[in-house]
Amino acid sequence: MSGALLAGLVIALCAALLAGYPVAFTLAGVSLLFAGLGWLLGAFDPAYLSAFPNRVFGVMTNETLIAVPLFVFMGVMLERSRLAEDLLTTVAGLFGRLRGGLVVAVLLVGALLAASTGIVGATVVTMGLISLPVMLRHGYDPRLATGSIAAAGTLGQIIPPSIVLVLLGDQLGNAYQQAQLRLGNFAPKAVSVGDLFAGALIPGLILVGLYLLYALWVAWRHPARAPAIARGERVGVWRTVAAVLPPLLLILAVLGSILAGIATPTEAAAVGAVGATLFAALRRELRPSRLLEVALRTVKITAMVFAILIGAALFTLVFRGYGGDDLVHDLLSGLPGGTTGALIAVMLMMFLLGFVLDFIEITFVVVPIVGPVLLAMGVDPVWLGVMMAINLQTSFLTPPFGFALFYLRGVTPPQVRTAQIYRGALPFIALQLAMLLVLALWPGLATWLPGLLYG
């Protein structure tokens, strides 16, 4: 009976999500429905739900999660202050005269914005509005142009400071504690957000390098797809410094303070929020109406994240009440190949879920279920977190529900077909999967820097 109800819970949840119902309320509503049904049939102990108030209170008092609204505020403020526009225009002027130079400019600006804002939607929309018309006007292949813009926007998911790394750090910390309890040990959280920030830095930079190599190869192999601009706006030294210096200072203040151990991620997020506000004021973009707009946008995004987190916590409790965690443990432990087979299965499942679910939903629903099992099998938590982050990054580019593709479609001229946007994203999805394979073969790319900084 419990097995049938557990299968019904998962099927009903997937059906409701595919039908388009709000994720947070779907997670909570379906879970409560099956908890009540199981209680009536004598297959579910309602005592499992007694932990739910403590879960909600734990979310409210979690200092790590305070970084989420602060990083969101920082990103939205930088977007509204038009810093990204000046940065993109300046870098495009520097590289535009080279073959494929506009794609190189888009990718470099995407990396800088990723390290200073981390908001995928804002980055994709801004670059789509500014750079895409220029690229199309100068004869760039629409597939290469749209694919590079969408891929550059997703770099905010892997290059720290990243919201997905904050959420993964919290979830994997809890998963490690549960893994130790399963092994009969008691231990504090062994993975922090700072560990994941340090672990993701080198893989993120390597991924940027792969993007750039692909763009330069296309420009060399097919010059007509990425021509040089015969005449470009001359960019002066002072203008370049004025455009590049603010994001670099913000990166140094936020990421540098975390890696140096001067500030926690939450404290650094507060510094970043204040710094973004100061930059907006210096650029004379900090009006009361704009501040209110940024605050409202921050509240909406933060409310969505925490509503999904609370709904996912309820789903996890009901899932465990039906013995789902033991079922997942037995399933992963029984796969051929041991730990390697379990990792491949989890990564494949997360990649496929990325076609239909958002990274927040996957993080809050899947990680609490599979994380304790994998960590109990001896998987390094930092390496696992970075692997998951790169995997989740693909969810922004995988059709039909890739959010970066949706954002870009909304600002793309009508003459660019949706099929061209999807086809343009495919090479960059392949590069992300290649980076995932490289990291799987050389885990030290993710574990060396945290070990060097934090031992």
Protein backbone atom coordinates (compact mmCIF):
# COMPACT_ATOMS: atom_id res chain seq x y z
CA MET A 1 0.00 0.00 0.00
CA SER A 2 2.78 2.45 0.92
CA GLY A 3 4.59 1.75 -2.33
CA ALA A 4 1.48 2.40 -4.40
CA LEU A 5 0.77 5.66 -2.57
CA LEU A 6 4.40 6.74 -2.98
CA ALA A 7 4.20 6.11 -6.72
CA GLY A 8 0.89 7.97 -6.84
CA LEU A 9 2.46 10.91 -4.98
CA VAL A 10 5.27 11.23 -7.51
CA ILE A 11 2.99 10.76 -10.54
CA ALA A 12 0.42 13.27 -9.25
CA LEU A 13 3.15 15.81 -8.53
CA CYS A 14 4.65 15.47 -12.03
CA ALA A 15 1.20 15.70 -13.65
CA ALA A 16 0.30 18.85 -11.70
CA LEU A 17 3.62 20.52 -12.53
CA LEU A 18 3.29 19.71 -16.23
CA ALA A 19 -0.25 21.10 -16.14
CA GLY A 20 1.23 24.47 -15.19
CA TYR A 21 0.12 24.83 -11.57
CA PRO A 22 2.35 26.99 -9.32
CA VAL A 23 5.25 24.89 -8.09
CA ALA A 24 5.22 25.90 -4.41
CA PHE A 25 1.50 25.27 -3.94
CA THR A 26 1.64 22.09 -6.02
CA LEU A 27 4.38 20.63 -3.82
CA ALA A 28 2.53 21.45 -0.62
CA GLY A 29 -1.00 20.64 -1.85
CA VAL A 30 -0.24 17.26 -3.42
CA SER A 31 1.85 16.26 -0.40
CA LEU A 32 -0.93 17.12 2.08
CA LEU A 33 -3.49 15.33 -0.09
CA PHE A 34 -1.50 12.10 -0.13
CA ALA A 35 -0.58 12.42 3.53
CA GLY A 36 -4.29 12.60 4.40
CA LEU A 37 -5.12 9.73 2.06
CA GLY A 38 -2.36 7.58 3.53
CA TRP A 39 -3.51 8.39 7.07
CA LEU A 40 -7.06 7.31 6.25
CA LEU A 41 -5.78 4.06 4.77
CA GLY A 42 -3.41 3.47 7.69
CA ALA A 43 -0.30 3.66 5.50
CA PHE A 44 1.08 7.01 6.72
CA ASP A 45 2.05 8.13 10.22
CA PRO A 46 1.03 11.81 10.65
CA ALA A 47 3.81 12.17 13.24
CA TYR A 48 6.14 12.81 10.30
CA LEU A 49 4.38 16.14 9.74
CA SER A 50 5.15 17.28 13.28
CA ALA A 51 8.62 18.25 12.06
CA PHE A 52 7.20 20.68 9.51
CA PRO A 53 6.93 23.72 11.87
CA ASN A 54 10.55 23.23 12.86
CA ARG A 55 11.50 23.08 9.18
CA VAL A 56 9.74 26.38 8.48
CA PHE A 57 11.29 28.01 11.54
CA GLY A 58 14.69 26.70 10.45
CA VAL A 59 14.25 28.36 7.07
CA MET A 60 13.30 31.64 8.73
CA THR A 61 16.35 31.61 11.01
CA ASN A 62 18.86 30.26 8.48
CA GLU A 63 21.64 32.83 8.17
CA THR A 64 22.95 31.26 4.97
CA LEU A 65 19.68 31.80 3.14
CA ILE A 66 19.70 35.51 4.01
CA ALA A 67 22.26 35.80 1.21
CA VAL A 68 19.54 35.01 -1.35
CA PRO A 69 17.56 38.29 -1.15
CA LEU A 70 20.80 40.28 -0.79
CA PHE A 71 22.34 38.79 -3.94
CA VAL A 72 19.03 39.26 -5.79
CA PHE A 73 18.91 42.91 -4.70
CA MET A 74 22.50 43.41 -5.87
CA GLY A 75 21.78 41.91 -9.28
CA VAL A 76 18.55 43.80 -9.88
CA MET A 77 20.11 47.09 -8.77
CA LEU A 78 23.04 46.65 -11.17
CA GLU A 79 20.64 45.82 -13.98
CA ARG A 80 18.48 48.88 -13.34
CA SER A 81 21.52 51.17 -13.06
CA ARG A 82 22.43 50.32 -16.70
CA LEU A 83 25.92 49.21 -15.75
CA ALA A 84 25.55 46.14 -17.98
CA GLU A 85 24.67 48.30 -20.98
CA ASP A 86 27.81 50.44 -20.69
CA LEU A 87 29.97 47.38 -20.10
CA LEU A 88 28.62 45.55 -23.15
CA THR A 89 28.91 48.57 -25.43
CA THR A 90 32.49 49.21 -24.35
CA VAL A 91 33.73 45.62 -24.67
CA ALA A 92 31.98 45.25 -28.04
CA GLY A 93 33.85 48.33 -29.24
CA LEU A 94 37.14 46.76 -28.15
CA PHE A 95 36.66 43.38 -29.88
CA GLY A 96 34.17 44.17 -32.64
CA ARG A 97 36.81 44.65 -35.35
CA LEU A 98 38.00 41.06 -34.91
CA ARG A 99 36.32 38.13 -36.64
CA GLY A 100 33.82 36.80 -34.13
CA GLY A 101 34.64 39.75 -31.88
CA LEU A 102 31.04 40.50 -30.96
CA VAL A 103 30.52 36.93 -29.73
CA VAL A 104 33.75 37.19 -27.71
CA ALA A 105 32.50 40.47 -26.23
CA VAL A 106 29.15 38.92 -25.30
CA LEU A 107 30.82 35.96 -23.59
CA LEU A 108 33.33 38.10 -21.67
CA VAL A 109 30.62 40.50 -20.52
CA GLY A 110 28.46 37.53 -19.53
CA ALA A 111 31.29 36.24 -17.35
CA LEU A 112 31.78 39.64 -15.71
CA LEU A 113 28.06 40.06 -15.08
CA ALA A 114 27.87 36.52 -13.73
CA ALA A 115 30.54 37.33 -11.16
CA SER A 116 28.82 40.55 -10.15
CA THR A 117 25.07 39.95 -10.53
CA GLY A 118 24.27 36.26 -11.03
CA ILE A 119 20.75 37.02 -12.36
CA VAL A 120 20.24 34.99 -15.54
CA GLY A 121 17.07 36.70 -16.77
CA ALA A 122 18.46 40.21 -16.38
CA THR A 123 21.72 39.32 -18.16
CA VAL A 124 20.03 37.57 -21.10
CA VAL A 125 17.46 40.32 -21.63
CA THR A 126 20.02 43.12 -21.38
CA MET A 127 22.46 41.52 -23.83
CA GLY A 128 19.62 40.49 -26.13
CA LEU A 129 18.31 44.04 -26.34
CA ILE A 130 21.72 45.65 -26.85
CA SER A 131 23.97 43.24 -28.71
CA LEU A 132 21.61 41.04 -30.76
CA PRO A 133 20.42 43.82 -33.14
CA VAL A 134 24.05 44.85 -33.71
CA MET A 135 25.13 41.26 -34.41
CA LEU A 136 22.27 40.65 -36.82
CA ARG A 137 22.84 43.98 -38.59
CA HIS A 138 26.48 43.04 -39.27
CA GLY A 139 25.62 39.64 -40.72
CA TYR A 140 26.18 37.30 -37.77
CA ASP A 141 24.48 33.91 -37.97
CA PRO A 142 21.29 34.16 -35.86
CA ARG A 143 21.99 30.73 -34.36
CA LEU A 144 25.47 31.73 -33.18
CA ALA A 145 24.28 35.13 -31.97
CA THR A 146 21.31 33.87 -29.94
CA GLY A 147 23.15 30.81 -28.64
CA SER A 148 26.09 32.85 -27.36
CA ILE A 149 23.78 35.37 -25.63
CA ALA A 150 21.73 32.66 -23.92
CA ALA A 151 24.83 30.69 -22.89
CA ALA A 152 26.60 33.79 -21.57
CA GLY A 153 23.55 34.56 -19.43
CA THR A 154 23.66 31.12 -17.81
CA LEU A 155 27.20 31.66 -16.54
CA GLY A 156 25.61 33.33 -13.51
CA GLN A 157 24.62 29.86 -12.32
CA ILE A 158 28.15 28.52 -12.00
CA ILE A 159 30.47 31.53 -11.59
CA PRO A 160 30.22 32.74 -7.97
CA PRO A 161 28.52 34.50 -6.36
CA SER A 162 25.62 32.39 -7.57
CA ILE A 163 22.19 31.89 -6.04
CA VAL A 164 22.14 28.23 -7.06
CA LEU A 165 25.40 27.69 -5.15
CA VAL A 166 23.88 29.33 -2.07
CA LEU A 167 20.86 27.02 -2.25
CA LEU A 168 22.99 23.95 -2.98
CA GLY A 169 25.32 24.78 -0.08
CA ASP A 170 22.39 24.87 2.33
CA GLN A 171 20.78 21.69 0.98
CA LEU A 172 24.02 19.70 0.80
CA GLY A 173 24.94 20.80 4.32
CA ASN A 174 21.68 19.31 5.58
CA ALA A 175 22.19 16.24 3.40
CA TYR A 176 25.63 15.65 4.91
CA GLN A 177 24.18 15.69 8.42
CA GLN A 178 21.53 13.15 7.40
CA ALA A 179 24.18 11.00 5.73
CA GLN A 180 26.22 10.93 8.93
CA LEU A 181 23.15 10.03 10.97
CA ARG A 182 22.49 7.18 8.55
CA LEU A 183 26.05 5.98 9.22
CA GLY A 184 25.57 6.34 12.96
CA ASN A 185 27.70 9.45 13.32
CA PHE A 186 26.94 13.00 14.38
CA ALA A 187 28.67 15.81 12.56
CA PRO A 188 28.06 19.49 11.80
CA LYS A 189 27.60 20.71 8.25
CA ALA A 190 30.74 19.80 6.30
CA VAL A 191 30.04 21.92 3.23
CA SER A 192 29.45 25.65 3.23
CA VAL A 193 28.50 28.18 0.59
CA GLY A 194 32.07 29.51 0.69
CA ASP A 195 33.38 26.02 -0.13
CA LEU A 196 31.11 25.83 -3.17
CA PHE A 197 32.04 29.34 -4.30
CA ALA A 198 35.73 28.38 -4.21
CA GLY A 199 35.05 25.01 -5.81
CA ALA A 200 33.03 26.44 -8.69
CA LEU A 201 35.47 29.20 -9.60
CA ILE A 202 37.96 27.15 -11.65
CA PRO A 203 35.32 25.03 -13.48
CA GLY A 204 33.38 28.22 -14.23
CA LEU A 205 36.42 29.90 -15.77
CA ILE A 206 37.23 26.76 -17.77
CA LEU A 207 33.66 26.78 -19.11
CA VAL A 208 34.09 30.40 -20.21
CA GLY A 209 37.28 29.32 -21.98
CA LEU A 210 35.41 26.52 -23.78
CA TYR A 211 32.77 29.00 -24.92
CA LEU A 212 35.46 31.36 -26.25
CA LEU A 213 37.31 28.57 -28.05
CA TYR A 214 34.11 27.48 -29.73
CA ALA A 215 33.30 31.04 -30.83
CA LEU A 216 36.81 31.57 -32.23
CA TRP A 217 36.70 28.19 -34.01
CA VAL A 218 33.40 29.10 -35.69
CA ALA A 219 34.79 32.49 -36.74
CA TRP A 220 37.90 30.81 -38.19
CA ARG A 221 36.08 27.88 -39.82
CA HIS A 222 33.04 29.80 -41.08
CA PRO A 223 33.98 33.50 -41.43
CA ALA A 224 30.58 34.38 -42.90
CA ARG A 225 28.84 33.35 -39.67
CA ALA A 226 30.87 35.75 -37.50
CA PRO A 227 32.32 38.57 -39.63
CA ALA A 228 34.44 41.42 -38.37
CA ILE A 229 32.95 44.89 -38.18
CA ALA A 230 34.66 47.08 -40.74
CA ARG A 231 34.05 50.22 -38.76
CA GLY A 232 33.55 50.28 -35.07
CA GLU A 233 33.20 52.96 -32.48
CA ARG A 234 36.60 53.86 -31.10
CA VAL A 235 36.74 53.19 -27.38
CA GLY A 236 39.00 55.33 -25.25
CA VAL A 237 41.01 54.18 -22.27
CA TRP A 238 39.04 56.20 -19.73
CA ARG A 239 35.73 54.96 -21.03
CA THR A 240 36.98 51.37 -20.81
CA VAL A 241 38.15 51.90 -17.23
CA ALA A 242 34.87 53.58 -16.26
CA ALA A 243 32.86 50.66 -17.66
CA VAL A 244 34.98 47.76 -16.40
CA LEU A 245 36.09 49.09 -13.01
CA PRO A 246 32.71 48.99 -11.15
CA PRO A 247 32.01 45.28 -11.76
CA LEU A 248 35.64 44.40 -11.01
CA LEU A 249 35.50 46.30 -7.71
CA LEU A 250 32.25 44.58 -6.83
CA ILE A 251 33.70 41.16 -7.65
CA LEU A 252 36.73 41.94 -5.50
CA ALA A 253 34.58 43.12 -2.61
CA VAL A 254 32.14 40.21 -2.69
CA LEU A 255 34.01 37.19 -3.98
CA GLY A 256 37.41 38.31 -2.73
CA SER A 257 36.18 38.79 0.83
CA ILE A 258 34.62 35.31 0.83
CA LEU A 259 37.65 33.50 -0.58
CA ALA A 260 39.99 35.39 1.74
CA GLY A 261 37.93 34.37 4.75
CA ILE A 262 37.23 37.98 5.70
CA ALA A 263 33.45 37.69 5.37
CA THR A 264 30.83 34.97 5.24
CA PRO A 265 28.75 34.71 2.03
CA THR A 266 25.86 36.44 3.79
CA GLU A 267 28.06 39.32 4.96
CA ALA A 268 29.63 39.60 1.50
CA ALA A 269 26.16 39.65 -0.07
CA ALA A 270 25.29 42.63 2.15
CA VAL A 271 28.49 44.37 1.01
CA GLY A 272 27.52 43.66 -2.59
CA ALA A 273 24.02 45.06 -2.13
CA VAL A 274 25.41 48.26 -0.60
CA GLY A 275 28.09 48.49 -3.29
CA ALA A 276 25.54 48.12 -6.10
CA THR A 277 23.44 50.87 -4.51
CA LEU A 278 26.47 53.17 -4.28
CA PHE A 279 27.35 52.56 -7.94
CA ALA A 280 23.77 53.38 -8.92
CA ALA A 281 23.97 56.60 -6.90
CA LEU A 282 27.28 57.58 -8.50
CA ARG A 283 25.74 57.01 -11.93
CA ARG A 284 22.75 59.16 -10.90
CA GLU A 285 20.39 56.25 -11.39
CA LEU A 286 19.24 55.93 -7.76
CA ARG A 287 15.84 57.60 -7.75
CA PRO A 288 13.12 56.78 -5.19
CA SER A 289 10.96 55.20 -7.89
CA ARG A 290 13.84 53.01 -9.05
CA LEU A 291 14.71 51.97 -5.49
CA LEU A 292 11.07 50.96 -4.95
CA GLU A 293 11.12 49.04 -8.24
CA VAL A 294 14.27 47.15 -7.23
CA ALA A 295 12.86 46.38 -3.77
CA LEU A 296 9.59 45.03 -5.19
CA ARG A 297 11.42 42.87 -7.73
CA THR A 298 13.65 41.51 -4.97
CA VAL A 299 10.66 40.68 -2.77
CA LYS A 300 8.90 38.84 -5.60
CA ILE A 301 11.91 36.68 -6.49
CA THR A 302 12.75 35.97 -2.83
CA ALA A 303 9.14 35.07 -2.00
CA MET A 304 9.08 32.63 -4.92
CA VAL A 305 12.30 30.94 -3.77
CA PHE A 306 11.23 30.55 -0.15
CA ALA A 307 7.68 29.46 -1.02
CA ILE A 308 9.16 26.65 -3.14
CA LEU A 309 11.56 25.78 -0.31
CA ILE A 310 8.71 25.45 2.21
CA GLY A 311 6.59 23.41 -0.21
CA ALA A 312 9.54 21.16 -0.98
CA ALA A 313 10.17 20.64 2.76
CA LEU A 314 6.61 19.37 3.16
CA PHE A 315 6.99 17.10 0.13
CA THR A 316 10.23 15.66 1.54
CA LEU A 317 8.58 14.82 4.86
CA VAL A 318 5.68 13.01 3.19
CA PHE A 319 8.08 11.25 0.81
CA ARG A 320 10.09 9.96 3.76
CA GLY A 321 6.94 9.03 5.61
CA TYR A 322 6.19 6.55 2.84
CA GLY A 323 9.72 5.16 3.02
CA GLY A 324 10.88 6.94 -0.10
CA ASP A 325 14.36 7.70 1.22
CA ASP A 326 15.02 4.01 1.94
CA LEU A 327 13.72 3.12 -1.52
CA VAL A 328 16.07 5.64 -3.16
CA HIS A 329 18.98 4.39 -1.03
CA ASP A 330 18.34 0.77 -2.03
CA LEU A 331 17.87 1.74 -5.66
CA LEU A 332 21.08 3.76 -5.94
CA SER A 333 23.11 1.31 -3.87
CA GLY A 334 21.95 -1.58 -6.05
CA LEU A 335 22.94 0.00 -9.37
CA PRO A 336 25.84 -1.61 -11.25
CA GLY A 337 29.06 0.32 -10.89
CA GLY A 338 28.57 1.23 -7.24
CA THR A 339 29.12 4.90 -6.47
CA THR A 340 29.96 5.71 -10.09
CA GLY A 341 26.74 4.13 -11.32
CA ALA A 342 24.71 6.00 -8.71
CA LEU A 343 26.33 9.32 -9.68
CA ILE A 344 25.65 8.74 -13.38
CA ALA A 345 22.02 7.90 -12.65
CA VAL A 346 21.50 11.01 -10.49
CA MET A 347 23.20 13.31 -13.01
CA LEU A 348 21.16 11.86 -15.87
CA MET A 349 17.94 12.27 -13.88
CA MET A 350 18.75 15.90 -13.03
CA PHE A 351 19.62 16.65 -16.65
CA LEU A 352 16.33 15.19 -17.89
CA LEU A 353 14.35 17.02 -15.21
CA GLY A 354 15.97 20.23 -16.43
CA PHE A 355 13.89 19.96 -19.60
CA VAL A 356 10.68 20.56 -17.64
CA LEU A 357 11.63 22.00 -14.22
CA ASP A 358 13.47 25.05 -12.95
CA PHE A 359 16.79 24.75 -11.11
CA ILE A 360 15.19 25.92 -7.84
CA GLU A 361 12.60 23.16 -7.96
CA ILE A 362 15.21 20.50 -8.75
CA THR A 363 17.46 21.75 -5.95
CA PHE A 364 14.76 21.69 -3.29
CA VAL A 365 13.06 18.45 -4.37
CA VAL A 366 15.82 16.19 -5.71
CA VAL A 367 18.89 17.14 -3.65
CA PRO A 368 17.33 16.38 -0.21
CA ILE A 369 16.37 12.93 -1.52
CA VAL A 370 19.53 11.81 -3.34
CA GLY A 371 22.09 13.94 -1.47
CA PRO A 372 22.21 11.93 1.78
CA VAL A 373 22.53 8.67 -0.16
CA LEU A 374 25.42 9.85 -2.32
CA LEU A 375 27.26 11.48 0.59
CA ALA A 376 26.84 8.34 2.69
CA MET A 377 28.51 6.45 -0.18
CA GLY A 378 31.61 8.65 0.27
CA VAL A 379 31.13 11.27 -2.46
CA ASP A 380 32.93 14.56 -1.78
CA PRO A 381 30.23 17.16 -0.99
CA VAL A 382 32.00 20.12 -2.66
CA TRP A 383 32.66 18.16 -5.85
CA LEU A 384 29.07 16.90 -5.85
CA GLY A 385 27.74 20.43 -5.37
CA VAL A 386 29.74 21.84 -8.29
CA MET A 387 28.74 18.90 -10.49
CA MET A 388 25.09 19.54 -9.67
CA ALA A 389 25.48 23.27 -10.34
CA ILE A 390 26.90 22.67 -13.82
CA ASN A 391 24.18 20.11 -14.50
CA LEU A 392 21.47 22.53 -13.37
CA GLN A 393 22.99 25.20 -15.59
CA THR A 394 21.91 23.18 -18.63
CA SER A 395 18.26 23.52 -17.56
CA PHE A 396 18.32 27.15 -18.75
CA LEU A 397 19.20 26.09 -22.30
CA THR A 398 17.33 22.81 -22.78
CA PRO A 399 14.08 23.16 -24.73
CA PRO A 400 11.15 23.27 -24.44
CA PHE A 401 11.25 25.08 -21.06
CA GLY A 402 14.76 26.57 -21.01
CA PHE A 403 14.25 29.87 -19.22
CA ALA A 404 17.18 31.62 -20.93
CA LEU A 405 15.59 30.72 -24.26
CA PHE A 406 12.27 32.16 -23.12
CA TYR A 407 13.90 35.37 -21.92
CA LEU A 408 15.75 35.74 -25.22
CA ARG A 409 12.69 34.94 -27.34
CA GLY A 410 10.89 37.83 -25.68
CA VAL A 411 13.43 40.39 -26.94
CA THR A 412 14.41 38.77 -30.25
CA PRO A 413 13.29 40.37 -33.56
CA PRO A 414 10.46 38.51 -35.34
CA GLN A 415 12.70 37.50 -38.26
CA VAL A 416 14.67 35.21 -35.94
CA ARG A 417 12.75 31.95 -35.64
CA THR A 418 12.37 30.05 -32.38
CA ALA A 419 13.93 26.99 -34.03
CA GLN A 420 17.08 29.03 -34.70
CA ILE A 421 17.30 29.98 -31.01
CA TYR A 422 16.97 26.33 -29.98
CA ARG A 423 19.55 25.17 -32.54
CA GLY A 424 21.92 27.92 -31.46
CA ALA A 425 21.81 26.70 -27.86
CA LEU A 426 22.68 23.08 -28.71
CA PRO A 427 26.49 23.54 -29.09
CA PHE A 428 26.64 25.35 -25.76
CA ILE A 429 24.64 22.58 -24.06
CA ALA A 430 27.21 20.15 -25.46
CA LEU A 431 30.02 22.29 -24.02
CA GLN A 432 28.34 22.30 -20.60
CA LEU A 433 28.04 18.52 -20.69
CA ALA A 434 31.68 18.30 -21.78
CA MET A 435 32.64 20.42 -18.76
CA LEU A 436 30.60 18.06 -16.58
CA LEU A 437 32.57 15.11 -17.99
CA VAL A 438 35.90 16.88 -17.47
CA LEU A 439 34.98 17.62 -13.84
CA ALA A 440 33.91 14.00 -13.33
CA LEU A 441 37.29 12.80 -14.58
CA TRP A 442 39.31 15.40 -12.63
CA PRO A 443 37.51 16.15 -9.33
CA GLY A 444 40.51 18.20 -8.21
CA LEU A 445 39.30 21.06 -10.41
CA ALA A 446 36.56 21.59 -7.81
CA THR A 447 38.30 20.47 -4.63
CA TRP A 448 41.81 21.95 -4.99
CA LEU A 449 40.99 25.61 -4.33
CA PRO A 450 38.68 25.00 -1.30
CA GLY A 451 41.34 22.72 0.15
CA LEU A 452 44.01 25.36 -0.40
CA LEU A 453 41.95 28.17 1.14
CA TYR A 454 40.11 26.37 3.93
CA GLY A 455 42.04 23.14 4.45
